[in-house]
Amino acid sequence: MDQNGTIVFRGNLESDDDLAAAAHIAMACPSYRTDEDDEDYLERATSCFNCRYRRWLSSGFLCMKGFPTAPSIQPTERN
């Protein structure tokens, strides 16, 4: 998460776990749209890496539609 509370995906194309996570998130995303073919990173795959709404950063990318949302953190009760 960056300083504005935006979730930044820091995965990479070399990691099977990161590829699986990006595919899982994209399949659940109501805003997912495939980007133009010349910006496809994984040929014909439904993945955040191929989404029209991802914006690359030096450390990964972020979703311009704000998905997934960060879970709210609830304070724990102390006894």
C-alpha atoms as a PDB file:
ATOM      1  CA  MET A   1       0.000   0.000   0.000  1.00  0.00           C
ATOM      2  CA  ASP A   2       1.373   3.432  -0.832  1.00  0.00           C
ATOM      3  CA  GLN A   3       1.185   6.589   1.303  1.00  0.00           C
ATOM      4  CA  ASN A   4      -2.291   7.382  -0.095  1.00  0.00           C
ATOM      5  CA  GLY A   5      -3.704   3.996   0.888  1.00  0.00           C
ATOM      6  CA  THR A   6      -3.643   2.698  -2.698  1.00  0.00           C
ATOM      7  CA  ILE A   7      -2.779  -0.968  -3.078  1.00  0.00           C
ATOM      8  CA  VAL A   8       0.365  -1.414  -5.181  1.00  0.00           C
ATOM      9  CA  PHE A   9       0.971  -4.821  -6.759  1.00  0.00           C
ATOM     10  CA  ARG A  10       4.686  -5.515  -6.434  1.00  0.00           C
ATOM     11  CA  GLY A  11       4.670  -8.898  -8.144  1.00  0.00           C
ATOM     12  CA  ASN A  12       6.652  -9.826 -11.199  1.00  0.00           C
ATOM     13  CA  LEU A  13       6.374 -11.993 -14.287  1.00  0.00           C
ATOM     14  CA  GLU A  14       9.084 -14.366 -13.015  1.00  0.00           C
ATOM     15  CA  SER A  15       7.041 -15.626 -10.058  1.00  0.00           C
ATOM     16  CA  ASP A  16       4.375 -18.314 -10.538  1.00  0.00           C
ATOM     17  CA  ASP A  17       2.740 -17.226  -7.266  1.00  0.00           C
ATOM     18  CA  ASP A  18       2.541 -13.604  -8.433  1.00  0.00           C
ATOM     19  CA  LEU A  19       1.126 -14.634 -11.806  1.00  0.00           C
ATOM     20  CA  ALA A  20      -1.525 -16.773 -10.100  1.00  0.00           C
ATOM     21  CA  ALA A  21      -2.439 -13.949  -7.700  1.00  0.00           C
ATOM     22  CA  ALA A  22      -2.774 -11.431 -10.546  1.00  0.00           C
ATOM     23  CA  ALA A  23      -5.010 -13.844 -12.480  1.00  0.00           C
ATOM     24  CA  HIS A  24      -7.168 -14.558  -9.422  1.00  0.00           C
ATOM     25  CA  ILE A  25      -7.638 -10.846  -8.687  1.00  0.00           C
ATOM     26  CA  ALA A  26      -8.430 -10.025 -12.338  1.00  0.00           C
ATOM     27  CA  MET A  27     -11.067 -12.766 -12.557  1.00  0.00           C
ATOM     28  CA  ALA A  28     -12.792 -11.372  -9.456  1.00  0.00           C
ATOM     29  CA  CYS A  29     -12.543  -7.741 -10.542  1.00  0.00           C
ATOM     30  CA  PRO A  30     -15.776  -6.139 -11.778  1.00  0.00           C
ATOM     31  CA  SER A  31     -13.790  -3.454 -13.654  1.00  0.00           C
ATOM     32  CA  TYR A  32     -11.297  -5.707 -15.474  1.00  0.00           C
ATOM     33  CA  ARG A  33     -10.885  -4.893 -19.158  1.00  0.00           C
ATOM     34  CA  THR A  34      -8.172  -6.252 -21.419  1.00  0.00           C
ATOM     35  CA  ASP A  35      -5.660  -3.637 -22.532  1.00  0.00           C
ATOM     36  CA  GLU A  36      -4.646  -3.134 -26.163  1.00  0.00           C
ATOM     37  CA  ASP A  37      -2.777  -6.034 -27.770  1.00  0.00           C
ATOM     38  CA  ASP A  38       0.495  -4.109 -27.990  1.00  0.00           C
ATOM     39  CA  GLU A  39       0.471  -3.772 -24.190  1.00  0.00           C
ATOM     40  CA  ASP A  40      -0.265  -7.458 -23.500  1.00  0.00           C
ATOM     41  CA  TYR A  41       2.314  -8.923 -21.129  1.00  0.00           C
ATOM     42  CA  LEU A  42       0.779 -12.386 -20.922  1.00  0.00           C
ATOM     43  CA  GLU A  43      -0.680 -13.349 -24.260  1.00  0.00           C
ATOM     44  CA  ARG A  44      -4.483 -13.610 -24.083  1.00  0.00           C
ATOM     45  CA  ALA A  45      -4.506 -14.122 -20.305  1.00  0.00           C
ATOM     46  CA  THR A  46      -6.976 -12.578 -17.878  1.00  0.00           C
ATOM     47  CA  SER A  47      -4.510 -11.003 -15.478  1.00  0.00           C
ATOM     48  CA  CYS A  48      -3.889  -7.684 -13.780  1.00  0.00           C
ATOM     49  CA  PHE A  49      -0.704  -7.570 -15.856  1.00  0.00           C
ATOM     50  CA  ASN A  50      -2.935  -7.195 -18.952  1.00  0.00           C
ATOM     51  CA  CYS A  51      -5.589  -4.883 -17.540  1.00  0.00           C
ATOM     52  CA  ARG A  52      -6.430  -1.589 -19.206  1.00  0.00           C
ATOM     53  CA  TYR A  53      -6.656   0.067 -15.778  1.00  0.00           C
ATOM     54  CA  ARG A  54      -3.228  -0.861 -14.378  1.00  0.00           C
ATOM     55  CA  ARG A  55      -0.557   1.804 -14.278  1.00  0.00           C
ATOM     56  CA  TRP A  56       3.076   0.852 -14.075  1.00  0.00           C
ATOM     57  CA  LEU A  57       5.265   2.193 -11.287  1.00  0.00           C
ATOM     58  CA  SER A  58       8.965   1.640 -10.727  1.00  0.00           C
ATOM     59  CA  SER A  59       8.080  -0.867  -7.991  1.00  0.00           C
ATOM     60  CA  GLY A  60       5.113  -2.622  -9.658  1.00  0.00           C
ATOM     61  CA  PHE A  61       1.711  -1.316 -10.704  1.00  0.00           C
ATOM     62  CA  LEU A  62      -1.491  -0.016  -9.228  1.00  0.00           C
ATOM     63  CA  CYS A  63      -5.132  -0.429 -10.151  1.00  0.00           C
ATOM     64  CA  MET A  64      -6.749   2.809 -11.283  1.00  0.00           C
ATOM     65  CA  LYS A  65     -10.152   1.351 -10.367  1.00  0.00           C
ATOM     66  CA  GLY A  66      -9.088   0.719  -6.761  1.00  0.00           C
ATOM     67  CA  PHE A  67      -9.549  -3.042  -6.803  1.00  0.00           C
ATOM     68  CA  PRO A  68      -9.013  -4.928  -4.637  1.00  0.00           C
ATOM     69  CA  THR A  69      -9.864  -2.680  -1.738  1.00  0.00           C
ATOM     70  CA  ALA A  70      -7.764  -2.863   1.369  1.00  0.00           C
ATOM     71  CA  PRO A  71      -9.447  -4.724   4.202  1.00  0.00           C
ATOM     72  CA  SER A  72     -10.362  -2.493   7.095  1.00  0.00           C
ATOM     73  CA  ILE A  73      -8.251  -3.039  10.158  1.00  0.00           C
ATOM     74  CA  GLN A  74     -10.265  -3.413  13.302  1.00  0.00           C
ATOM     75  CA  PRO A  75      -8.647  -2.628  16.647  1.00  0.00           C
ATOM     76  CA  THR A  76      -8.275  -5.638  18.893  1.00  0.00           C
ATOM     77  CA  GLU A  77      -9.780  -5.624  22.347  1.00  0.00           C
ATOM     78  CA  ARG A  78      -7.396  -5.754  25.268  1.00  0.00           C
ATOM     79  CA  ASN A  79      -8.272  -7.548  28.460  1.00  0.00           C
END
